[in-house]
Amino acid sequence: MIGLTLFAVCLFSIGILHTLILSAAQTPDSLPQSDIVIVLGAGLRGDQLSLTLRYRMETALAYLQQHPHLQVIVSGGRGPGETISEAAAMRNFLLEQGIANARIIVEERSTSTYENLLYSRDLLPKNTKKSLIVTSDFHMFRALMLADHLGYEASGLPAPSVDFLNFRHIPREWLAIVKSALFDIR
Protein backbone atom coordinates (compact mmCIF):
# COMPACT_ATOMS: atom_id res chain seq x y z
CA MET A 1 0.00 0.00 0.00
CA ILE A 2 2.83 2.41 0.83
CA GLY A 3 4.47 1.66 -2.52
CA LEU A 4 1.26 2.41 -4.39
CA THR A 5 0.83 5.67 -2.47
CA LEU A 6 4.41 6.74 -3.25
CA PHE A 7 3.87 5.87 -6.91
CA ALA A 8 0.67 7.95 -6.98
CA VAL A 9 2.40 10.92 -5.31
CA CYS A 10 5.31 10.72 -7.79
CA LEU A 11 2.95 10.48 -10.75
CA PHE A 12 0.90 13.43 -9.48
CA SER A 13 4.07 15.50 -8.91
CA ILE A 14 5.36 14.72 -12.40
CA GLY A 15 1.98 15.75 -13.80
CA ILE A 16 2.17 19.10 -12.02
CA LEU A 17 5.77 19.71 -13.14
CA HIS A 18 4.92 18.77 -16.70
CA THR A 19 1.94 21.16 -16.71
CA LEU A 20 4.13 24.00 -15.40
CA ILE A 21 6.78 23.31 -18.06
CA LEU A 22 4.20 23.22 -20.85
CA SER A 23 2.46 26.41 -19.69
CA ALA A 24 5.74 28.37 -19.58
CA ALA A 25 6.76 26.96 -22.97
CA GLN A 26 3.97 28.78 -24.79
CA THR A 27 4.99 31.86 -26.75
CA PRO A 28 2.85 34.74 -25.47
CA ASP A 29 0.69 36.68 -27.91
CA SER A 30 2.41 39.86 -26.78
CA LEU A 31 5.43 40.49 -24.61
CA PRO A 32 5.72 43.23 -22.03
CA GLN A 33 8.19 46.02 -22.73
CA SER A 34 11.71 44.98 -21.73
CA ASP A 35 14.90 46.91 -21.03
CA ILE A 36 17.30 44.10 -21.96
CA VAL A 37 17.38 40.62 -23.48
CA ILE A 38 19.23 37.77 -21.73
CA VAL A 39 20.03 34.63 -23.73
CA LEU A 40 20.97 31.53 -21.75
CA GLY A 41 23.67 29.21 -23.10
CA ALA A 42 23.09 25.61 -24.18
CA GLY A 43 26.30 23.98 -25.24
CA LEU A 44 28.69 24.00 -28.16
CA ARG A 45 30.37 21.47 -30.39
CA GLY A 46 33.91 22.84 -30.30
CA ASP A 47 33.17 26.46 -31.21
CA GLN A 48 29.89 25.79 -33.07
CA LEU A 49 26.42 26.34 -31.62
CA SER A 50 24.51 23.20 -30.70
CA LEU A 51 21.12 22.92 -32.37
CA THR A 52 19.42 23.88 -29.11
CA LEU A 53 21.59 26.98 -28.77
CA ARG A 54 21.10 27.86 -32.45
CA TYR A 55 17.32 27.91 -31.93
CA ARG A 56 17.75 30.15 -28.88
CA MET A 57 19.99 32.52 -30.84
CA GLU A 58 17.65 32.66 -33.84
CA THR A 59 14.75 33.50 -31.51
CA ALA A 60 16.80 36.22 -29.80
CA LEU A 61 18.04 37.57 -33.13
CA ALA A 62 14.52 38.02 -34.49
CA TYR A 63 13.53 39.93 -31.34
CA LEU A 64 16.69 42.07 -31.38
CA GLN A 65 16.12 42.97 -35.03
CA GLN A 66 12.61 44.16 -34.14
CA HIS A 67 13.92 46.11 -31.13
CA PRO A 68 17.16 47.76 -32.30
CA HIS A 69 17.44 49.92 -29.15
CA LEU A 70 17.85 46.91 -26.82
CA GLN A 71 21.09 45.44 -25.55
CA VAL A 72 21.56 41.71 -25.05
CA ILE A 73 23.46 39.69 -22.47
CA VAL A 74 24.73 36.39 -23.84
CA SER A 75 25.42 34.07 -20.94
CA GLY A 76 27.42 30.85 -20.82
CA GLY A 77 30.83 29.64 -19.81
CA ARG A 78 33.11 27.06 -21.38
CA GLY A 79 32.32 23.42 -20.74
CA PRO A 80 33.86 20.09 -21.69
CA GLY A 81 34.42 19.75 -25.43
CA GLU A 82 34.04 23.49 -25.99
CA THR A 83 36.98 25.41 -27.41
CA ILE A 84 35.50 28.83 -26.53
CA SER A 85 32.85 29.98 -24.08
CA GLU A 86 29.21 29.66 -25.06
CA ALA A 87 28.88 33.43 -24.63
CA ALA A 88 31.74 34.06 -27.07
CA ALA A 89 30.12 31.79 -29.67
CA MET A 90 26.77 33.53 -29.12
CA ARG A 91 28.42 36.92 -29.54
CA ASN A 92 30.08 35.74 -32.76
CA PHE A 93 26.71 34.56 -34.09
CA LEU A 94 25.08 37.93 -33.38
CA LEU A 95 27.98 39.85 -34.93
CA GLU A 96 27.77 37.70 -38.07
CA GLN A 97 24.05 38.53 -38.26
CA GLY A 98 24.70 42.29 -38.10
CA ILE A 99 24.03 43.05 -34.43
CA ALA A 100 26.41 45.80 -33.32
CA ASN A 101 29.10 44.82 -30.83
CA ALA A 102 28.06 47.75 -28.61
CA ARG A 103 24.68 46.05 -28.04
CA ILE A 104 26.23 42.79 -26.79
CA ILE A 105 27.26 42.15 -23.19
CA VAL A 106 29.20 38.91 -22.61
CA GLU A 107 28.89 36.82 -19.43
CA GLU A 108 31.18 33.81 -19.68
CA ARG A 109 31.72 32.55 -16.12
CA SER A 110 28.48 30.60 -15.67
CA THR A 111 28.13 26.83 -15.76
CA SER A 112 24.44 26.46 -14.84
CA THR A 113 21.11 28.20 -15.31
CA TYR A 114 21.32 29.62 -11.80
CA GLU A 115 24.78 31.05 -12.52
CA ASN A 116 23.65 32.36 -15.95
CA LEU A 117 21.09 34.52 -14.19
CA LEU A 118 23.20 35.33 -11.12
CA TYR A 119 26.21 36.56 -13.10
CA SER A 120 24.07 38.28 -15.75
CA ARG A 121 22.34 40.24 -12.98
CA ASP A 122 25.72 41.77 -12.10
CA LEU A 123 26.09 43.00 -15.71
CA LEU A 124 22.69 44.64 -16.07
CA PRO A 125 22.99 48.27 -17.15
CA LYS A 126 21.84 50.88 -14.64
CA ASN A 127 18.10 51.57 -14.63
CA THR A 128 17.27 48.10 -15.99
CA LYS A 129 13.89 47.13 -14.63
CA LYS A 130 12.46 44.50 -16.95
CA SER A 131 14.37 41.67 -18.57
CA LEU A 132 13.37 39.32 -21.37
CA ILE A 133 14.86 35.86 -20.99
CA VAL A 134 15.37 33.74 -24.09
CA THR A 135 15.81 30.02 -23.53
CA SER A 136 14.34 26.79 -24.84
CA ASP A 137 10.63 26.18 -24.40
CA PHE A 138 11.17 23.17 -22.10
CA HIS A 139 13.59 25.23 -19.95
CA MET A 140 11.52 28.42 -19.58
CA PHE A 141 9.66 27.54 -16.36
CA ARG A 142 12.85 26.88 -14.40
CA ALA A 143 14.62 29.93 -15.85
CA LEU A 144 11.75 32.22 -14.81
CA MET A 145 11.51 30.53 -11.40
CA LEU A 146 15.21 31.21 -10.76
CA ALA A 147 15.01 34.73 -12.20
CA ASP A 148 12.15 35.53 -9.82
CA HIS A 149 14.18 34.19 -6.91
CA LEU A 150 17.14 36.38 -7.92
CA GLY A 151 14.98 39.52 -8.01
CA TYR A 152 14.46 39.92 -11.73
CA GLU A 153 11.30 41.39 -13.13
CA ALA A 154 11.36 39.06 -16.11
CA SER A 155 9.25 37.64 -18.88
CA GLY A 156 10.21 34.86 -21.22
CA LEU A 157 10.51 34.35 -24.94
CA PRO A 158 10.73 30.58 -25.47
CA ALA A 159 12.77 29.23 -28.35
CA PRO A 160 11.48 26.10 -30.05
CA SER A 161 13.19 22.85 -29.21
CA VAL A 162 13.96 19.89 -31.37
CA ASP A 163 10.93 17.62 -30.93
CA PHE A 164 12.90 14.41 -31.09
CA LEU A 165 15.05 15.60 -28.17
CA ASN A 166 12.13 16.28 -25.83
CA PHE A 167 12.00 12.69 -24.60
CA ARG A 168 15.39 13.44 -23.04
CA HIS A 169 14.92 17.09 -22.06
CA ILE A 170 11.56 16.97 -20.32
CA PRO A 171 12.37 14.24 -17.73
CA ARG A 172 15.75 15.91 -17.10
CA GLU A 173 13.92 19.19 -16.59
CA TRP A 174 11.58 17.61 -14.00
CA LEU A 175 14.64 16.63 -11.98
CA ALA A 176 16.34 19.99 -12.53
CA ILE A 177 13.29 21.87 -11.22
CA VAL A 178 13.34 19.77 -8.04
CA LYS A 179 17.11 20.30 -7.68
CA SER A 180 16.74 24.07 -8.19
CA ALA A 181 13.88 24.25 -5.69
CA LEU A 182 15.94 22.38 -3.08
CA PHE A 183 19.40 23.84 -3.62
CA ASP A 184 19.36 27.03 -5.74
CA ILE A 185 16.45 28.74 -4.04
CA ARG A 186 17.49 29.10 -0.45
C-alpha atoms as a PDB file:
ATOM      1  CA  MET A   1       0.000   0.000   0.000  1.00  0.00           C
ATOM      2  CA  ILE A   2       2.834   2.414   0.826  1.00  0.00           C
ATOM      3  CA  GLY A   3       4.474   1.660  -2.521  1.00  0.00           C
ATOM      4  CA  LEU A   4       1.255   2.413  -4.388  1.00  0.00           C
ATOM      5  CA  THR A   5       0.827   5.672  -2.466  1.00  0.00           C
ATOM      6  CA  LEU A   6       4.408   6.740  -3.251  1.00  0.00           C
ATOM      7  CA  PHE A   7       3.875   5.869  -6.907  1.00  0.00           C
ATOM      8  CA  ALA A   8       0.668   7.954  -6.976  1.00  0.00           C
ATOM      9  CA  VAL A   9       2.395  10.919  -5.305  1.00  0.00           C
ATOM     10  CA  CYS A  10       5.309  10.724  -7.793  1.00  0.00           C
ATOM     11  CA  LEU A  11       2.952  10.479 -10.753  1.00  0.00           C
ATOM     12  CA  PHE A  12       0.897  13.430  -9.475  1.00  0.00           C
ATOM     13  CA  SER A  13       4.074  15.496  -8.913  1.00  0.00           C
ATOM     14  CA  ILE A  14       5.359  14.720 -12.401  1.00  0.00           C
ATOM     15  CA  GLY A  15       1.981  15.750 -13.803  1.00  0.00           C
ATOM     16  CA  ILE A  16       2.172  19.100 -12.019  1.00  0.00           C
ATOM     17  CA  LEU A  17       5.771  19.713 -13.140  1.00  0.00           C
ATOM     18  CA  HIS A  18       4.918  18.769 -16.705  1.00  0.00           C
ATOM     19  CA  THR A  19       1.943  21.157 -16.708  1.00  0.00           C
ATOM     20  CA  LEU A  20       4.132  23.996 -15.401  1.00  0.00           C
ATOM     21  CA  ILE A  21       6.785  23.312 -18.060  1.00  0.00           C
ATOM     22  CA  LEU A  22       4.201  23.222 -20.846  1.00  0.00           C
ATOM     23  CA  SER A  23       2.460  26.408 -19.692  1.00  0.00           C
ATOM     24  CA  ALA A  24       5.741  28.369 -19.576  1.00  0.00           C
ATOM     25  CA  ALA A  25       6.761  26.961 -22.970  1.00  0.00           C
ATOM     26  CA  GLN A  26       3.972  28.780 -24.793  1.00  0.00           C
ATOM     27  CA  THR A  27       4.991  31.857 -26.753  1.00  0.00           C
ATOM     28  CA  PRO A  28       2.855  34.736 -25.470  1.00  0.00           C
ATOM     29  CA  ASP A  29       0.686  36.683 -27.911  1.00  0.00           C
ATOM     30  CA  SER A  30       2.414  39.855 -26.781  1.00  0.00           C
ATOM     31  CA  LEU A  31       5.435  40.486 -24.610  1.00  0.00           C
ATOM     32  CA  PRO A  32       5.722  43.233 -22.032  1.00  0.00           C
ATOM     33  CA  GLN A  33       8.190  46.023 -22.727  1.00  0.00           C
ATOM     34  CA  SER A  34      11.711  44.982 -21.733  1.00  0.00           C
ATOM     35  CA  ASP A  35      14.895  46.911 -21.034  1.00  0.00           C
ATOM     36  CA  ILE A  36      17.304  44.099 -21.960  1.00  0.00           C
ATOM     37  CA  VAL A  37      17.382  40.622 -23.481  1.00  0.00           C
ATOM     38  CA  ILE A  38      19.235  37.774 -21.731  1.00  0.00           C
ATOM     39  CA  VAL A  39      20.025  34.635 -23.730  1.00  0.00           C
ATOM     40  CA  LEU A  40      20.972  31.525 -21.750  1.00  0.00           C
ATOM     41  CA  GLY A  41      23.672  29.213 -23.104  1.00  0.00           C
ATOM     42  CA  ALA A  42      23.085  25.613 -24.179  1.00  0.00           C
ATOM     43  CA  GLY A  43      26.302  23.979 -25.238  1.00  0.00           C
ATOM     44  CA  LEU A  44      28.688  24.000 -28.165  1.00  0.00           C
ATOM     45  CA  ARG A  45      30.366  21.465 -30.394  1.00  0.00           C
ATOM     46  CA  GLY A  46      33.910  22.841 -30.304  1.00  0.00           C
ATOM     47  CA  ASP A  47      33.167  26.457 -31.213  1.00  0.00           C
ATOM     48  CA  GLN A  48      29.894  25.788 -33.066  1.00  0.00           C
ATOM     49  CA  LEU A  49      26.424  26.344 -31.618  1.00  0.00           C
ATOM     50  CA  SER A  50      24.512  23.204 -30.696  1.00  0.00           C
ATOM     51  CA  LEU A  51      21.116  22.919 -32.375  1.00  0.00           C
ATOM     52  CA  THR A  52      19.422  23.884 -29.108  1.00  0.00           C
ATOM     53  CA  LEU A  53      21.595  26.983 -28.766  1.00  0.00           C
ATOM     54  CA  ARG A  54      21.098  27.860 -32.451  1.00  0.00           C
ATOM     55  CA  TYR A  55      17.318  27.914 -31.928  1.00  0.00           C
ATOM     56  CA  ARG A  56      17.750  30.153 -28.879  1.00  0.00           C
ATOM     57  CA  MET A  57      19.990  32.516 -30.842  1.00  0.00           C
ATOM     58  CA  GLU A  58      17.654  32.658 -33.844  1.00  0.00           C
ATOM     59  CA  THR A  59      14.749  33.502 -31.507  1.00  0.00           C
ATOM     60  CA  ALA A  60      16.799  36.221 -29.795  1.00  0.00           C
ATOM     61  CA  LEU A  61      18.041  37.573 -33.129  1.00  0.00           C
ATOM     62  CA  ALA A  62      14.520  38.019 -34.491  1.00  0.00           C
ATOM     63  CA  TYR A  63      13.534  39.930 -31.340  1.00  0.00           C
ATOM     64  CA  LEU A  64      16.687  42.074 -31.383  1.00  0.00           C
ATOM     65  CA  GLN A  65      16.120  42.965 -35.031  1.00  0.00           C
ATOM     66  CA  GLN A  66      12.605  44.155 -34.141  1.00  0.00           C
ATOM     67  CA  HIS A  67      13.919  46.109 -31.131  1.00  0.00           C
ATOM     68  CA  PRO A  68      17.162  47.762 -32.301  1.00  0.00           C
ATOM     69  CA  HIS A  69      17.439  49.919 -29.149  1.00  0.00           C
ATOM     70  CA  LEU A  70      17.853  46.913 -26.819  1.00  0.00           C
ATOM     71  CA  GLN A  71      21.088  45.442 -25.553  1.00  0.00           C
ATOM     72  CA  VAL A  72      21.557  41.713 -25.050  1.00  0.00           C
ATOM     73  CA  ILE A  73      23.457  39.693 -22.473  1.00  0.00           C
ATOM     74  CA  VAL A  74      24.733  36.390 -23.838  1.00  0.00           C
ATOM     75  CA  SER A  75      25.422  34.069 -20.939  1.00  0.00           C
ATOM     76  CA  GLY A  76      27.418  30.852 -20.823  1.00  0.00           C
ATOM     77  CA  GLY A  77      30.834  29.637 -19.808  1.00  0.00           C
ATOM     78  CA  ARG A  78      33.105  27.063 -21.381  1.00  0.00           C
ATOM     79  CA  GLY A  79      32.317  23.421 -20.741  1.00  0.00           C
ATOM     80  CA  PRO A  80      33.856  20.085 -21.695  1.00  0.00           C
ATOM     81  CA  GLY A  81      34.423  19.751 -25.434  1.00  0.00           C
ATOM     82  CA  GLU A  82      34.035  23.487 -25.985  1.00  0.00           C
ATOM     83  CA  THR A  83      36.978  25.415 -27.407  1.00  0.00           C
ATOM     84  CA  ILE A  84      35.499  28.833 -26.531  1.00  0.00           C
ATOM     85  CA  SER A  85      32.846  29.984 -24.080  1.00  0.00           C
ATOM     86  CA  GLU A  86      29.209  29.657 -25.061  1.00  0.00           C
ATOM     87  CA  ALA A  87      28.880  33.427 -24.626  1.00  0.00           C
ATOM     88  CA  ALA A  88      31.739  34.063 -27.069  1.00  0.00           C
ATOM     89  CA  ALA A  89      30.117  31.793 -29.672  1.00  0.00           C
ATOM     90  CA  MET A  90      26.765  33.529 -29.123  1.00  0.00           C
ATOM     91  CA  ARG A  91      28.425  36.925 -29.542  1.00  0.00           C
ATOM     92  CA  ASN A  92      30.082  35.741 -32.764  1.00  0.00           C
ATOM     93  CA  PHE A  93      26.707  34.563 -34.094  1.00  0.00           C
ATOM     94  CA  LEU A  94      25.081  37.931 -33.375  1.00  0.00           C
ATOM     95  CA  LEU A  95      27.984  39.855 -34.926  1.00  0.00           C
ATOM     96  CA  GLU A  96      27.768  37.701 -38.073  1.00  0.00           C
ATOM     97  CA  GLN A  97      24.050  38.534 -38.262  1.00  0.00           C
ATOM     98  CA  GLY A  98      24.704  42.293 -38.098  1.00  0.00           C
ATOM     99  CA  ILE A  99      24.034  43.047 -34.432  1.00  0.00           C
ATOM    100  CA  ALA A 100      26.413  45.802 -33.317  1.00  0.00           C
ATOM    101  CA  ASN A 101      29.098  44.824 -30.832  1.00  0.00           C
ATOM    102  CA  ALA A 102      28.063  47.755 -28.605  1.00  0.00           C
ATOM    103  CA  ARG A 103      24.682  46.051 -28.040  1.00  0.00           C
ATOM    104  CA  ILE A 104      26.233  42.790 -26.794  1.00  0.00           C
ATOM    105  CA  ILE A 105      27.262  42.147 -23.186  1.00  0.00           C
ATOM    106  CA  VAL A 106      29.198  38.915 -22.614  1.00  0.00           C
ATOM    107  CA  GLU A 107      28.889  36.822 -19.431  1.00  0.00           C
ATOM    108  CA  GLU A 108      31.182  33.809 -19.676  1.00  0.00           C
ATOM    109  CA  ARG A 109      31.716  32.554 -16.118  1.00  0.00           C
ATOM    110  CA  SER A 110      28.476  30.600 -15.669  1.00  0.00           C
ATOM    111  CA  THR A 111      28.132  26.830 -15.756  1.00  0.00           C
ATOM    112  CA  SER A 112      24.438  26.465 -14.838  1.00  0.00           C
ATOM    113  CA  THR A 113      21.107  28.198 -15.314  1.00  0.00           C
ATOM    114  CA  TYR A 114      21.323  29.620 -11.804  1.00  0.00           C
ATOM    115  CA  GLU A 115      24.778  31.048 -12.524  1.00  0.00           C
ATOM    116  CA  ASN A 116      23.647  32.357 -15.953  1.00  0.00           C
ATOM    117  CA  LEU A 117      21.093  34.523 -14.190  1.00  0.00           C
ATOM    118  CA  LEU A 118      23.197  35.335 -11.121  1.00  0.00           C
ATOM    119  CA  TYR A 119      26.208  36.559 -13.100  1.00  0.00           C
ATOM    120  CA  SER A 120      24.068  38.280 -15.748  1.00  0.00           C
ATOM    121  CA  ARG A 121      22.338  40.243 -12.979  1.00  0.00           C
ATOM    122  CA  ASP A 122      25.720  41.771 -12.101  1.00  0.00           C
ATOM    123  CA  LEU A 123      26.088  42.996 -15.711  1.00  0.00           C
ATOM    124  CA  LEU A 124      22.685  44.637 -16.070  1.00  0.00           C
ATOM    125  CA  PRO A 125      22.992  48.270 -17.146  1.00  0.00           C
ATOM    126  CA  LYS A 126      21.836  50.884 -14.637  1.00  0.00           C
ATOM    127  CA  ASN A 127      18.097  51.567 -14.625  1.00  0.00           C
ATOM    128  CA  THR A 128      17.270  48.098 -15.987  1.00  0.00           C
ATOM    129  CA  LYS A 129      13.889  47.133 -14.627  1.00  0.00           C
ATOM    130  CA  LYS A 130      12.455  44.496 -16.951  1.00  0.00           C
ATOM    131  CA  SER A 131      14.367  41.666 -18.574  1.00  0.00           C
ATOM    132  CA  LEU A 132      13.365  39.324 -21.368  1.00  0.00           C
ATOM    133  CA  ILE A 133      14.862  35.859 -20.987  1.00  0.00           C
ATOM    134  CA  VAL A 134      15.375  33.741 -24.094  1.00  0.00           C
ATOM    135  CA  THR A 135      15.814  30.022 -23.529  1.00  0.00           C
ATOM    136  CA  SER A 136      14.340  26.788 -24.837  1.00  0.00           C
ATOM    137  CA  ASP A 137      10.630  26.182 -24.404  1.00  0.00           C
ATOM    138  CA  PHE A 138      11.167  23.171 -22.103  1.00  0.00           C
ATOM    139  CA  HIS A 139      13.587  25.230 -19.954  1.00  0.00           C
ATOM    140  CA  MET A 140      11.516  28.416 -19.576  1.00  0.00           C
ATOM    141  CA  PHE A 141       9.657  27.537 -16.364  1.00  0.00           C
ATOM    142  CA  ARG A 142      12.854  26.882 -14.401  1.00  0.00           C
ATOM    143  CA  ALA A 143      14.617  29.927 -15.853  1.00  0.00           C
ATOM    144  CA  LEU A 144      11.755  32.218 -14.814  1.00  0.00           C
ATOM    145  CA  MET A 145      11.508  30.532 -11.399  1.00  0.00           C
ATOM    146  CA  LEU A 146      15.205  31.213 -10.761  1.00  0.00           C
ATOM    147  CA  ALA A 147      15.008  34.734 -12.200  1.00  0.00           C
ATOM    148  CA  ASP A 148      12.154  35.533  -9.817  1.00  0.00           C
ATOM    149  CA  HIS A 149      14.184  34.192  -6.906  1.00  0.00           C
ATOM    150  CA  LEU A 150      17.140  36.380  -7.923  1.00  0.00           C
ATOM    151  CA  GLY A 151      14.980  39.520  -8.006  1.00  0.00           C
ATOM    152  CA  TYR A 152      14.457  39.917 -11.729  1.00  0.00           C
ATOM    153  CA  GLU A 153      11.297  41.390 -13.131  1.00  0.00           C
ATOM    154  CA  ALA A 154      11.364  39.060 -16.114  1.00  0.00           C
ATOM    155  CA  SER A 155       9.252  37.637 -18.880  1.00  0.00           C
ATOM    156  CA  GLY A 156      10.212  34.859 -21.222  1.00  0.00           C
ATOM    157  CA  LEU A 157      10.509  34.346 -24.942  1.00  0.00           C
ATOM    158  CA  PRO A 158      10.732  30.576 -25.469  1.00  0.00           C
ATOM    159  CA  ALA A 159      12.768  29.226 -28.351  1.00  0.00           C
ATOM    160  CA  PRO A 160      11.475  26.101 -30.053  1.00  0.00           C
ATOM    161  CA  SER A 161      13.185  22.853 -29.212  1.00  0.00           C
ATOM    162  CA  VAL A 162      13.957  19.890 -31.367  1.00  0.00           C
ATOM    163  CA  ASP A 163      10.927  17.620 -30.926  1.00  0.00           C
ATOM    164  CA  PHE A 164      12.900  14.411 -31.090  1.00  0.00           C
ATOM    165  CA  LEU A 165      15.048  15.605 -28.171  1.00  0.00           C
ATOM    166  CA  ASN A 166      12.132  16.282 -25.830  1.00  0.00           C
ATOM    167  CA  PHE A 167      12.000  12.692 -24.599  1.00  0.00           C
ATOM    168  CA  ARG A 168      15.390  13.443 -23.043  1.00  0.00           C
ATOM    169  CA  HIS A 169      14.925  17.088 -22.063  1.00  0.00           C
ATOM    170  CA  ILE A 170      11.560  16.974 -20.318  1.00  0.00           C
ATOM    171  CA  PRO A 171      12.375  14.242 -17.726  1.00  0.00           C
ATOM    172  CA  ARG A 172      15.748  15.911 -17.103  1.00  0.00           C
ATOM    173  CA  GLU A 173      13.922  19.193 -16.586  1.00  0.00           C
ATOM    174  CA  TRP A 174      11.580  17.612 -14.004  1.00  0.00           C
ATOM    175  CA  LEU A 175      14.640  16.629 -11.981  1.00  0.00           C
ATOM    176  CA  ALA A 176      16.344  19.991 -12.526  1.00  0.00           C
ATOM    177  CA  ILE A 177      13.291  21.867 -11.217  1.00  0.00           C
ATOM    178  CA  VAL A 178      13.336  19.774  -8.043  1.00  0.00           C
ATOM    179  CA  LYS A 179      17.113  20.299  -7.683  1.00  0.00           C
ATOM    180  CA  SER A 180      16.735  24.065  -8.190  1.00  0.00           C
ATOM    181  CA  ALA A 181      13.879  24.250  -5.694  1.00  0.00           C
ATOM    182  CA  LEU A 182      15.936  22.378  -3.084  1.00  0.00           C
ATOM    183  CA  PHE A 183      19.403  23.838  -3.616  1.00  0.00           C
ATOM    184  CA  ASP A 184      19.360  27.026  -5.739  1.00  0.00           C
ATOM    185  CA  ILE A 185      16.448  28.743  -4.043  1.00  0.00           C
ATOM    186  CA  ARG A 186      17.494  29.096  -0.447  1.00  0.00           C
END
